[in-house]
């Protein structure tokens, strides 16, 4: 049971972390900007770090699943573990780039 949860977290965890970071980052930036306060940077940094760690954990879960399958050279679980590792790397980069964009650009200024 735990192995199944680990593989599914490895496959979909990083994508879920990226999508949550995308929504939270946008909504937090919009809410702070609407109030005339541009002090959302610490919250955006915290959200990016926490969700980046969740994406990295997903990559680790996929790697642990792949590593546990040394005796079985083929199969669906091995494919899912490899796909989870590649997806984890991809979405970690997306979380980092999304966080960099939210932190570095000031969206409260018009024009």
PDB file of N, CA and C in Angstrom:
ATOM      1  N   UNK A   1       0.817  -1.196   0.000  1.00  0.00           N
ATOM      2  CA  UNK A   1       0.000   0.000   0.000  1.00  0.00           C
ATOM      3  C   UNK A   1       0.864   1.264   0.000  1.00  0.00           C
ATOM      4  N   UNK A   2       1.882   1.291   0.854  1.00  0.00           N
ATOM      5  CA  UNK A   2       2.768   2.455   0.919  1.00  0.00           C
ATOM      6  C   UNK A   2       3.534   2.621  -0.390  1.00  0.00           C
ATOM      7  N   UNK A   3       3.952   1.503  -0.986  1.00  0.00           N
ATOM      8  CA  UNK A   3       4.690   1.578  -2.251  1.00  0.00           C
ATOM      9  C   UNK A   3       3.830   2.170  -3.356  1.00  0.00           C
ATOM     10  N   UNK A   4       2.541   1.845  -3.358  1.00  0.00           N
ATOM     11  CA  UNK A   4       1.646   2.417  -4.364  1.00  0.00           C
ATOM     12  C   UNK A   4       1.483   3.918  -4.173  1.00  0.00           C
ATOM     13  N   UNK A   5       1.322   4.339  -2.922  1.00  0.00           N
ATOM     14  CA  UNK A   5       1.203   5.774  -2.661  1.00  0.00           C
ATOM     15  C   UNK A   5       2.485   6.504  -3.025  1.00  0.00           C
ATOM     16  N   UNK A   6       3.613   5.870  -2.765  1.00  0.00           N
ATOM     17  CA  UNK A   6       4.903   6.468  -3.073  1.00  0.00           C
ATOM     18  C   UNK A   6       5.075   6.667  -4.574  1.00  0.00           C
ATOM     19  N   UNK A   7       4.678   5.678  -5.359  1.00  0.00           N
ATOM     20  CA  UNK A   7       4.841   5.810  -6.802  1.00  0.00           C
ATOM     21  C   UNK A   7       3.895   6.863  -7.369  1.00  0.00           C
ATOM     22  N   UNK A   8       2.667   6.943  -6.847  1.00  0.00           N
ATOM     23  CA  UNK A   8       1.728   7.948  -7.355  1.00  0.00           C
ATOM     24  C   UNK A   8       2.141   9.350  -6.938  1.00  0.00           C
ATOM     25  N   UNK A   9       2.688   9.495  -5.739  1.00  0.00           N
ATOM     26  CA  UNK A   9       3.242  10.787  -5.339  1.00  0.00           C
ATOM     27  C   UNK A   9       4.436  11.136  -6.224  1.00  0.00           C
ATOM     28  N   UNK A  10       5.246  10.142  -6.560  1.00  0.00           N
ATOM     29  CA  UNK A  10       6.382  10.374  -7.436  1.00  0.00           C
ATOM     30  C   UNK A  10       5.972  10.806  -8.825  1.00  0.00           C
ATOM     31  N   UNK A  11       4.856  10.311  -9.310  1.00  0.00           N
ATOM     32  CA  UNK A  11       4.416  10.650 -10.669  1.00  0.00           C
ATOM     33  C   UNK A  11       3.706  12.006 -10.703  1.00  0.00           C
ATOM     34  N   UNK A  12       2.807  12.254  -9.754  1.00  0.00           N
ATOM     35  CA  UNK A  12       1.957  13.437  -9.844  1.00  0.00           C
ATOM     36  C   UNK A  12       2.253  14.528  -8.820  1.00  0.00           C
ATOM     37  N   UNK A  13       3.108  14.275  -7.858  1.00  0.00           N
ATOM     38  CA  UNK A  13       3.343  15.239  -6.787  1.00  0.00           C
ATOM     39  C   UNK A  13       3.962  16.540  -7.252  1.00  0.00           C
ATOM     40  N   UNK A  14       4.936  16.475  -8.136  1.00  0.00           N
ATOM     41  CA  UNK A  14       5.606  17.691  -8.597  1.00  0.00           C
ATOM     42  C   UNK A  14       4.674  18.544  -9.448  1.00  0.00           C
ATOM     43  N   UNK A  15       3.864  17.909 -10.279  1.00  0.00           N
ATOM     44  CA  UNK A  15       2.908  18.662 -11.097  1.00  0.00           C
ATOM     45  C   UNK A  15       1.872  19.348 -10.215  1.00  0.00           C
ATOM     46  N   UNK A  16       1.433  18.659  -9.178  1.00  0.00           N
ATOM     47  CA  UNK A  16       0.486  19.248  -8.250  1.00  0.00           C
ATOM     48  C   UNK A  16       1.116  20.419  -7.490  1.00  0.00           C
ATOM     49  N   UNK A  17       2.369  20.275  -7.086  1.00  0.00           N
ATOM     50  CA  UNK A  17       3.065  21.361  -6.394  1.00  0.00           C
ATOM     51  C   UNK A  17       3.194  22.582  -7.296  1.00  0.00           C
ATOM     52  N   UNK A  18       3.515  22.375  -8.559  1.00  0.00           N
ATOM     53  CA  UNK A  18       3.631  23.488  -9.494  1.00  0.00           C
ATOM     54  C   UNK A  18       2.292  24.181  -9.694  1.00  0.00           C
ATOM     55  N   UNK A  19       1.226  23.407  -9.855  1.00  0.00           N
ATOM     56  CA  UNK A  19      -0.079  24.025 -10.089  1.00  0.00           C
ATOM     57  C   UNK A  19      -0.548  24.794  -8.856  1.00  0.00           C
ATOM     58  N   UNK A  20      -0.286  24.279  -7.661  1.00  0.00           N
ATOM     59  CA  UNK A  20      -0.639  25.001  -6.436  1.00  0.00           C
ATOM     60  C   UNK A  20       0.187  26.275  -6.325  1.00  0.00           C
ATOM     61  N   UNK A  21       1.462  26.206  -6.653  1.00  0.00           N
ATOM     62  CA  UNK A  21       2.316  27.394  -6.616  1.00  0.00           C
ATOM     63  C   UNK A  21       1.853  28.433  -7.618  1.00  0.00           C
ATOM     64  N   UNK A  22       1.409  28.006  -8.761  1.00  0.00           N
ATOM     65  CA  UNK A  22       0.915  28.918  -9.784  1.00  0.00           C
ATOM     66  C   UNK A  22      -0.324  29.663  -9.286  1.00  0.00           C
ATOM     67  N   UNK A  23      -1.265  28.940  -8.709  1.00  0.00           N
ATOM     68  CA  UNK A  23      -2.508  29.551  -8.231  1.00  0.00           C
ATOM     69  C   UNK A  23      -2.259  30.417  -6.997  1.00  0.00           C
ATOM     70  N   UNK A  24      -1.531  29.889  -6.024  1.00  0.00           N
ATOM     71  CA  UNK A  24      -1.282  30.644  -4.795  1.00  0.00           C
ATOM     72  C   UNK A  24      -0.466  31.902  -5.090  1.00  0.00           C
ATOM     73  N   UNK A  25       0.556  31.764  -5.907  1.00  0.00           N
ATOM     74  CA  UNK A  25       1.387  32.917  -6.234  1.00  0.00           C
ATOM     75  C   UNK A  25       0.605  34.022  -6.916  1.00  0.00           C
ATOM     76  N   UNK A  26      -0.214  33.657  -7.863  1.00  0.00           N
ATOM     77  CA  UNK A  26      -1.004  34.650  -8.587  1.00  0.00           C
ATOM     78  C   UNK A  26      -2.021  35.309  -7.655  1.00  0.00           C
ATOM     79  N   UNK A  27      -2.746  34.502  -6.899  1.00  0.00           N
ATOM     80  CA  UNK A  27      -3.784  35.046  -6.018  1.00  0.00           C
ATOM     81  C   UNK A  27      -3.186  35.907  -4.904  1.00  0.00           C
ATOM     82  N   UNK A  28      -2.073  35.485  -4.346  1.00  0.00           N
ATOM     83  CA  UNK A  28      -1.431  36.254  -3.286  1.00  0.00           C
ATOM     84  C   UNK A  28      -0.928  37.593  -3.824  1.00  0.00           C
ATOM     85  N   UNK A  29      -0.329  37.574  -4.988  1.00  0.00           N
ATOM     86  CA  UNK A  29       0.168  38.798  -5.605  1.00  0.00           C
ATOM     87  C   UNK A  29      -0.984  39.742  -5.939  1.00  0.00           C
ATOM     88  N   UNK A  30      -2.064  39.216  -6.466  1.00  0.00           N
ATOM     89  CA  UNK A  30      -3.230  40.035  -6.790  1.00  0.00           C
ATOM     90  C   UNK A  30      -3.879  40.616  -5.535  1.00  0.00           C
ATOM     91  N   UNK A  31      -4.008  39.827  -4.500  1.00  0.00           N
ATOM     92  CA  UNK A  31      -4.634  40.297  -3.265  1.00  0.00           C
ATOM     93  C   UNK A  31      -3.814  41.407  -2.618  1.00  0.00           C
ATOM     94  N   UNK A  32      -2.516  41.245  -2.575  1.00  0.00           N
ATOM     95  CA  UNK A  32      -1.660  42.265  -1.975  1.00  0.00           C
ATOM     96  C   UNK A  32      -1.640  43.528  -2.827  1.00  0.00           C
ATOM     97  N   UNK A  33      -1.659  43.377  -4.119  1.00  0.00           N
ATOM     98  CA  UNK A  33      -1.628  44.518  -5.020  1.00  0.00           C
ATOM     99  C   UNK A  33      -2.950  45.293  -4.945  1.00  0.00           C
ATOM    100  N   UNK A  34      -4.065  44.591  -4.813  1.00  0.00           N
ATOM    101  CA  UNK A  34      -5.373  45.242  -4.734  1.00  0.00           C
ATOM    102  C   UNK A  34      -5.496  46.070  -3.461  1.00  0.00           C
ATOM    103  N   UNK A  35      -4.812  45.675  -2.410  1.00  0.00           N
ATOM    104  CA  UNK A  35      -4.837  46.428  -1.162  1.00  0.00           C
ATOM    105  C   UNK A  35      -3.843  47.579  -1.168  1.00  0.00           C
ATOM    106  N   UNK A  36      -3.070  47.692  -2.227  1.00  0.00           N
ATOM    107  CA  UNK A  36      -2.053  48.732  -2.294  1.00  0.00           C
ATOM    108  C   UNK A  36      -0.793  48.380  -1.534  1.00  0.00           C
ATOM    109  N   UNK A  37      -0.649  47.134  -1.190  1.00  0.00           N
ATOM    110  CA  UNK A  37       0.503  46.663  -0.425  1.00  0.00           C
ATOM    111  C   UNK A  37       1.316  45.737  -1.314  1.00  0.00           C
ATOM    112  N   UNK A  38       2.561  46.052  -1.488  1.00  0.00           N
ATOM    113  CA  UNK A  38       3.410  45.171  -2.287  1.00  0.00           C
ATOM    114  C   UNK A  38       4.316  44.336  -1.391  1.00  0.00           C
ATOM    115  N   UNK A  39       3.894  44.064  -0.169  1.00  0.00           N
ATOM    116  CA  UNK A  39       4.698  43.304   0.792  1.00  0.00           C
ATOM    117  C   UNK A  39       4.452  41.811   0.738  1.00  0.00           C
ATOM    118  N   UNK A  40       4.145  41.299  -0.425  1.00  0.00           N
ATOM    119  CA  UNK A  40       3.869  39.863  -0.545  1.00  0.00           C
ATOM    120  C   UNK A  40       5.124  39.047  -0.813  1.00  0.00           C
ATOM    121  N   UNK A  41       6.255  39.701  -0.950  1.00  0.00           N
ATOM    122  CA  UNK A  41       7.487  38.978  -1.302  1.00  0.00           C
ATOM    123  C   UNK A  41       7.853  37.873  -0.310  1.00  0.00           C
ATOM    124  N   UNK A  42       7.823  38.112   1.012  1.00  0.00           N
ATOM    125  CA  UNK A  42       8.171  37.013   1.928  1.00  0.00           C
ATOM    126  C   UNK A  42       7.218  35.826   1.810  1.00  0.00           C
ATOM    127  N   UNK A  43       5.940  36.091   1.585  1.00  0.00           N
ATOM    128  CA  UNK A  43       4.975  35.001   1.431  1.00  0.00           C
ATOM    129  C   UNK A  43       5.206  34.252   0.133  1.00  0.00           C
ATOM    130  N   UNK A  44       5.564  34.963  -0.908  1.00  0.00           N
ATOM    131  CA  UNK A  44       5.845  34.306  -2.182  1.00  0.00           C
ATOM    132  C   UNK A  44       7.105  33.455  -2.097  1.00  0.00           C
ATOM    133  N   UNK A  45       8.109  33.951  -1.395  1.00  0.00           N
ATOM    134  CA  UNK A  45       9.340  33.174  -1.200  1.00  0.00           C
ATOM    135  C   UNK A  45       9.036  31.916  -0.401  1.00  0.00           C
ATOM    136  N   UNK A  46       8.243  32.059   0.668  1.00  0.00           N
ATOM    137  CA  UNK A  46       7.905  30.903   1.496  1.00  0.00           C
ATOM    138  C   UNK A  46       7.107  29.870   0.704  1.00  0.00           C
ATOM    139  N   UNK A  47       6.129  30.337  -0.073  1.00  0.00           N
ATOM    140  CA  UNK A  47       5.331  29.406  -0.884  1.00  0.00           C
ATOM    141  C   UNK A  47       6.196  28.702  -1.915  1.00  0.00           C
ATOM    142  N   UNK A  48       7.111  29.438  -2.534  1.00  0.00           N
ATOM    143  CA  UNK A  48       7.990  28.832  -3.532  1.00  0.00           C
ATOM    144  C   UNK A  48       8.899  27.785  -2.901  1.00  0.00           C
ATOM    145  N   UNK A  49       9.442  28.080  -1.732  1.00  0.00           N
ATOM    146  CA  UNK A  49      10.333  27.124  -1.068  1.00  0.00           C
ATOM    147  C   UNK A  49       9.586  25.878  -0.609  1.00  0.00           C
ATOM    148  N   UNK A  50       8.411  26.067  -0.021  1.00  0.00           N
ATOM    149  CA  UNK A  50       7.643  24.916   0.465  1.00  0.00           C
ATOM    150  C   UNK A  50       7.194  24.030  -0.691  1.00  0.00           C
ATOM    151  N   UNK A  51       6.679  24.642  -1.745  1.00  0.00           N
ATOM    152  CA  UNK A  51       6.204  23.846  -2.877  1.00  0.00           C
ATOM    153  C   UNK A  51       7.357  23.295  -3.714  1.00  0.00           C
ATOM    154  N   UNK A  52       8.482  23.975  -3.729  1.00  0.00           N
ATOM    155  CA  UNK A  52       9.674  23.412  -4.355  1.00  0.00           C
ATOM    156  C   UNK A  52      10.166  22.190  -3.599  1.00  0.00           C
ATOM    157  N   UNK A  53      10.072  22.243  -2.271  1.00  0.00           N
ATOM    158  CA  UNK A  53      10.443  21.081  -1.466  1.00  0.00           C
ATOM    159  C   UNK A  53       9.477  19.920  -1.701  1.00  0.00           C
ATOM    160  N   UNK A  54       8.192  20.225  -1.879  1.00  0.00           N
ATOM    161  CA  UNK A  54       7.220  19.167  -2.180  1.00  0.00           C
ATOM    162  C   UNK A  54       7.512  18.532  -3.541  1.00  0.00           C
ATOM    163  N   UNK A  55       7.907  19.351  -4.508  1.00  0.00           N
ATOM    164  CA  UNK A  55       8.265  18.824  -5.828  1.00  0.00           C
ATOM    165  C   UNK A  55       9.543  17.992  -5.749  1.00  0.00           C
ATOM    166  N   UNK A  56      10.508  18.441  -4.953  1.00  0.00           N
ATOM    167  CA  UNK A  56      11.734  17.669  -4.776  1.00  0.00           C
ATOM    168  C   UNK A  56      11.450  16.355  -4.047  1.00  0.00           C
ATOM    169  N   UNK A  57      10.520  16.376  -3.105  1.00  0.00           N
ATOM    170  CA  UNK A  57      10.111  15.147  -2.437  1.00  0.00           C
ATOM    171  C   UNK A  57       9.465  14.169  -3.392  1.00  0.00           C
ATOM    172  N   UNK A  58       8.721  14.695  -4.348  1.00  0.00           N
ATOM    173  CA  UNK A  58       8.117  13.857  -5.375  1.00  0.00           C
ATOM    174  C   UNK A  58       9.191  13.192  -6.238  1.00  0.00           C
ATOM    175  N   UNK A  59      10.208  13.953  -6.584  1.00  0.00           N
ATOM    176  CA  UNK A  59      11.330  13.390  -7.329  1.00  0.00           C
ATOM    177  C   UNK A  59      12.015  12.305  -6.506  1.00  0.00           C
ATOM    178  N   UNK A  60      12.202  12.550  -5.220  1.00  0.00           N
ATOM    179  CA  UNK A  60      12.803  11.547  -4.338  1.00  0.00           C
ATOM    180  C   UNK A  60      11.956  10.293  -4.214  1.00  0.00           C
ATOM    181  N   UNK A  61      10.639  10.469  -4.165  1.00  0.00           N
ATOM    182  CA  UNK A  61       9.745   9.306  -4.086  1.00  0.00           C
ATOM    183  C   UNK A  61       9.825   8.475  -5.357  1.00  0.00           C
ATOM    184  N   UNK A  62       9.879   9.143  -6.502  1.00  0.00           N
ATOM    185  CA  UNK A  62      10.007   8.416  -7.766  1.00  0.00           C
ATOM    186  C   UNK A  62      11.341   7.682  -7.828  1.00  0.00           C
ATOM    187  N   UNK A  63      12.403   8.321  -7.350  1.00  0.00           N
ATOM    188  CA  UNK A  63      13.716   7.681  -7.357  1.00  0.00           C
ATOM    189  C   UNK A  63      13.748   6.471  -6.423  1.00  0.00           C
ATOM    190  N   UNK A  64      13.131   6.610  -5.250  1.00  0.00           N
ATOM    191  CA  UNK A  64      13.094   5.478  -4.320  1.00  0.00           C
ATOM    192  C   UNK A  64      12.294   4.314  -4.909  1.00  0.00           C
ATOM    193  N   UNK A  65      11.215   4.627  -5.600  1.00  0.00           N
ATOM    194  CA  UNK A  65      10.432   3.570  -6.240  1.00  0.00           C
ATOM    195  C   UNK A  65      11.239   2.885  -7.336  1.00  0.00           C
ATOM    196  N   UNK A  66      11.948   3.668  -8.131  1.00  0.00           N
ATOM    197  CA  UNK A  66      12.766   3.114  -9.212  1.00  0.00           C
ATOM    198  C   UNK A  66      13.902   2.273  -8.640  1.00  0.00           C
ATOM    199  N   UNK A  67      14.493   2.766  -7.572  1.00  0.00           N
ATOM    200  CA  UNK A  67      15.615   2.045  -6.960  1.00  0.00           C
ATOM    201  C   UNK A  67      15.175   0.723  -6.346  1.00  0.00           C
ATOM    202  N   UNK A  68      13.955   0.667  -5.858  1.00  0.00           N
ATOM    203  CA  UNK A  68      13.444  -0.557  -5.258  1.00  0.00           C
ATOM    204  C   UNK A  68      13.079  -1.624  -6.273  1.00  0.00           C
ATOM    205  N   UNK A  69      13.149  -1.297  -7.552  1.00  0.00           N
ATOM    206  CA  UNK A  69      12.753  -2.234  -8.603  1.00  0.00           C
ATOM    207  C   UNK A  69      13.940  -2.807  -9.363  1.00  0.00           C
ATOM    208  N   UNK A  70      15.052  -2.926  -8.747  1.00  0.00           N
ATOM    209  CA  UNK A  70      16.239  -3.441  -9.440  1.00  0.00           C
ATOM    210  C   UNK A  70      16.063  -4.866  -9.942  1.00  0.00           C
ATOM    211  N   UNK A  71      15.256  -5.640  -9.268  1.00  0.00           N
ATOM    212  CA  UNK A  71      15.082  -7.039  -9.675  1.00  0.00           C
ATOM    213  C   UNK A  71      14.162  -7.160 -10.877  1.00  0.00           C
ATOM    214  N   UNK A  72      13.291  -6.197 -11.097  1.00  0.00           N
ATOM    215  CA  UNK A  72      12.332  -6.239 -12.199  1.00  0.00           C
ATOM    216  C   UNK A  72      12.745  -5.220 -13.261  1.00  0.00           C
ATOM    217  N   UNK A  73      13.397  -5.648 -14.334  1.00  0.00           N
ATOM    218  CA  UNK A  73      13.904  -4.697 -15.317  1.00  0.00           C
ATOM    219  C   UNK A  73      12.826  -4.040 -16.171  1.00  0.00           C
ATOM    220  N   UNK A  74      11.639  -4.618 -16.233  1.00  0.00           N
ATOM    221  CA  UNK A  74      10.572  -4.053 -17.041  1.00  0.00           C
ATOM    222  C   UNK A  74       9.304  -3.942 -16.212  1.00  0.00           C
ATOM    223  N   UNK A  75       8.326  -3.287 -16.764  1.00  0.00           N
ATOM    224  CA  UNK A  75       7.044  -3.229 -16.095  1.00  0.00           C
ATOM    225  C   UNK A  75       6.493  -1.823 -15.995  1.00  0.00           C
ATOM    226  N   UNK A  76       5.247  -1.773 -15.643  1.00  0.00           N
ATOM    227  CA  UNK A  76       4.547  -0.507 -15.557  1.00  0.00           C
ATOM    228  C   UNK A  76       5.090   0.353 -14.421  1.00  0.00           C
ATOM    229  N   UNK A  77       5.392  -0.260 -13.298  1.00  0.00           N
ATOM    230  CA  UNK A  77       5.870   0.502 -12.152  1.00  0.00           C
ATOM    231  C   UNK A  77       7.225   1.134 -12.456  1.00  0.00           C
ATOM    232  N   UNK A  78       8.069   0.413 -13.150  1.00  0.00           N
ATOM    233  CA  UNK A  78       9.373   0.969 -13.527  1.00  0.00           C
ATOM    234  C   UNK A  78       9.199   2.155 -14.472  1.00  0.00           C
ATOM    235  N   UNK A  79       8.282   2.025 -15.421  1.00  0.00           N
ATOM    236  CA  UNK A  79       7.996   3.129 -16.337  1.00  0.00           C
ATOM    237  C   UNK A  79       7.462   4.337 -15.571  1.00  0.00           C
ATOM    238  N   UNK A  80       6.538   4.113 -14.640  1.00  0.00           N
ATOM    239  CA  UNK A  80       5.989   5.213 -13.856  1.00  0.00           C
ATOM    240  C   UNK A  80       7.058   5.883 -13.008  1.00  0.00           C
ATOM    241  N   UNK A  81       7.969   5.099 -12.460  1.00  0.00           N
ATOM    242  CA  UNK A  81       9.047   5.666 -11.659  1.00  0.00           C
ATOM    243  C   UNK A  81       9.964   6.536 -12.515  1.00  0.00           C
ATOM    244  N   UNK A  82      10.319   6.062 -13.697  1.00  0.00           N
ATOM    245  CA  UNK A  82      11.153   6.865 -14.595  1.00  0.00           C
ATOM    246  C   UNK A  82      10.422   8.119 -15.053  1.00  0.00           C
ATOM    247  N   UNK A  83       9.146   7.989 -15.389  1.00  0.00           N
ATOM    248  CA  UNK A  83       8.354   9.149 -15.791  1.00  0.00           C
ATOM    249  C   UNK A  83       8.248  10.144 -14.638  1.00  0.00           C
ATOM    250  N   UNK A  84       8.095   9.644 -13.424  1.00  0.00           N
ATOM    251  CA  UNK A  84       8.035  10.516 -12.256  1.00  0.00           C
ATOM    252  C   UNK A  84       9.332  11.268 -12.020  1.00  0.00           C
ATOM    253  N   UNK A  85      10.461  10.617 -12.268  1.00  0.00           N
ATOM    254  CA  UNK A  85      11.746  11.307 -12.105  1.00  0.00           C
ATOM    255  C   UNK A  85      11.902  12.422 -13.125  1.00  0.00           C
ATOM    256  N   UNK A  86      11.577  12.152 -14.376  1.00  0.00           N
ATOM    257  CA  UNK A  86      11.676  13.191 -15.407  1.00  0.00           C
ATOM    258  C   UNK A  86      10.677  14.319 -15.152  1.00  0.00           C
ATOM    259  N   UNK A  87       9.457  13.957 -14.768  1.00  0.00           N
ATOM    260  CA  UNK A  87       8.450  14.978 -14.468  1.00  0.00           C
ATOM    261  C   UNK A  87       8.867  15.795 -13.249  1.00  0.00           C
ATOM    262  N   UNK A  88       9.450  15.140 -12.258  1.00  0.00           N
ATOM    263  CA  UNK A  88       9.904  15.849 -11.071  1.00  0.00           C
ATOM    264  C   UNK A  88      10.953  16.902 -11.409  1.00  0.00           C
ATOM    265  N   UNK A  89      11.924  16.542 -12.226  1.00  0.00           N
ATOM    266  CA  UNK A  89      12.938  17.513 -12.641  1.00  0.00           C
ATOM    267  C   UNK A  89      12.315  18.678 -13.400  1.00  0.00           C
ATOM    268  N   UNK A  90      11.413  18.367 -14.306  1.00  0.00           N
ATOM    269  CA  UNK A  90      10.770  19.388 -15.114  1.00  0.00           C
ATOM    270  C   UNK A  90       9.973  20.362 -14.245  1.00  0.00           C
ATOM    271  N   UNK A  91       9.180  19.834 -13.327  1.00  0.00           N
ATOM    272  CA  UNK A  91       8.331  20.701 -12.519  1.00  0.00           C
ATOM    273  C   UNK A  91       9.093  21.425 -11.422  1.00  0.00           C
ATOM    274  N   UNK A  92      10.222  20.889 -10.976  1.00  0.00           N
ATOM    275  CA  UNK A  92      11.071  21.636 -10.047  1.00  0.00           C
ATOM    276  C   UNK A  92      11.597  22.895 -10.734  1.00  0.00           C
ATOM    277  N   UNK A  93      12.001  22.754 -11.975  1.00  0.00           N
ATOM    278  CA  UNK A  93      12.455  23.921 -12.745  1.00  0.00           C
ATOM    279  C   UNK A  93      11.315  24.917 -12.920  1.00  0.00           C
ATOM    280  N   UNK A  94      10.109  24.429 -13.205  1.00  0.00           N
ATOM    281  CA  UNK A  94       8.969  25.332 -13.373  1.00  0.00           C
ATOM    282  C   UNK A  94       8.613  26.047 -12.074  1.00  0.00           C
ATOM    283  N   UNK A  95       8.681  25.362 -10.949  1.00  0.00           N
ATOM    284  CA  UNK A  95       8.414  26.011  -9.659  1.00  0.00           C
ATOM    285  C   UNK A  95       9.457  27.092  -9.399  1.00  0.00           C
ATOM    286  N   UNK A  96      10.714  26.786  -9.673  1.00  0.00           N
ATOM    287  CA  UNK A  96      11.780  27.763  -9.455  1.00  0.00           C
ATOM    288  C   UNK A  96      11.611  28.978 -10.375  1.00  0.00           C
ATOM    289  N   UNK A  97      11.326  28.744 -11.636  1.00  0.00           N
ATOM    290  CA  UNK A  97      11.147  29.863 -12.567  1.00  0.00           C
ATOM    291  C   UNK A  97       9.906  30.682 -12.238  1.00  0.00           C
ATOM    292  N   UNK A  98       8.834  30.025 -11.854  1.00  0.00           N
ATOM    293  CA  UNK A  98       7.624  30.747 -11.457  1.00  0.00           C
ATOM    294  C   UNK A  98       7.842  31.581 -10.216  1.00  0.00           C
ATOM    295  N   UNK A  99       8.548  31.033  -9.257  1.00  0.00           N
ATOM    296  CA  UNK A  99       8.864  31.794  -8.056  1.00  0.00           C
ATOM    297  C   UNK A  99       9.779  32.967  -8.338  1.00  0.00           C
ATOM    298  N   UNK A 100      10.767  32.754  -9.191  1.00  0.00           N
ATOM    299  CA  UNK A 100      11.664  33.846  -9.581  1.00  0.00           C
ATOM    300  C   UNK A 100      10.910  34.972 -10.266  1.00  0.00           C
ATOM    301  N   UNK A 101       9.983  34.603 -11.123  1.00  0.00           N
ATOM    302  CA  UNK A 101       9.196  35.602 -11.838  1.00  0.00           C
ATOM    303  C   UNK A 101       8.335  36.398 -10.869  1.00  0.00           C
ATOM    304  N   UNK A 102       7.679  35.724  -9.931  1.00  0.00           N
ATOM    305  CA  UNK A 102       6.824  36.423  -8.974  1.00  0.00           C
ATOM    306  C   UNK A 102       7.632  37.308  -8.028  1.00  0.00           C
ATOM    307  N   UNK A 103       8.813  36.860  -7.660  1.00  0.00           N
ATOM    308  CA  UNK A 103       9.612  37.596  -6.693  1.00  0.00           C
ATOM    309  C   UNK A 103      10.327  38.780  -7.349  1.00  0.00           C
ATOM    310  N   UNK A 104      10.805  38.588  -8.566  1.00  0.00           N
ATOM    311  CA  UNK A 104      11.636  39.622  -9.180  1.00  0.00           C
ATOM    312  C   UNK A 104      10.840  40.718  -9.868  1.00  0.00           C
ATOM    313  N   UNK A 105       9.662  40.419 -10.381  1.00  0.00           N
ATOM    314  CA  UNK A 105       8.874  41.422 -11.090  1.00  0.00           C
ATOM    315  C   UNK A 105       7.861  42.062 -10.159  1.00  0.00           C
ATOM    316  N   UNK A 106       7.720  43.363 -10.240  1.00  0.00           N
ATOM    317  CA  UNK A 106       6.734  44.072  -9.434  1.00  0.00           C
ATOM    318  C   UNK A 106       5.487  44.290 -10.280  1.00  0.00           C
ATOM    319  N   UNK A 107       4.430  43.581  -9.969  1.00  0.00           N
ATOM    320  CA  UNK A 107       3.228  43.632 -10.806  1.00  0.00           C
ATOM    321  C   UNK A 107       2.239  44.698 -10.359  1.00  0.00           C
ATOM    322  N   UNK A 108       2.550  45.457  -9.313  1.00  0.00           N
ATOM    323  CA  UNK A 108       1.618  46.466  -8.825  1.00  0.00           C
ATOM    324  C   UNK A 108       1.681  47.767  -9.601  1.00  0.00           C
ATOM    325  N   UNK A 109       2.680  47.961 -10.403  1.00  0.00           N
ATOM    326  CA  UNK A 109       2.801  49.183 -11.186  1.00  0.00           C
ATOM    327  C   UNK A 109       2.091  49.028 -12.517  1.00  0.00           C
ATOM    328  N   UNK A 110       1.345  50.041 -12.891  1.00  0.00           N
ATOM    329  CA  UNK A 110       0.653  50.034 -14.178  1.00  0.00           C
ATOM    330  C   UNK A 110       1.616  50.488 -15.272  1.00  0.00           C
ATOM    331  N   UNK A 111       1.443  49.861 -16.443  1.00  0.00           N
ATOM    332  CA  UNK A 111       2.215  50.283 -17.608  1.00  0.00           C
ATOM    333  C   UNK A 111       3.484  49.676 -17.695  1.00  0.00           C
TER     334      UNK A 111
END
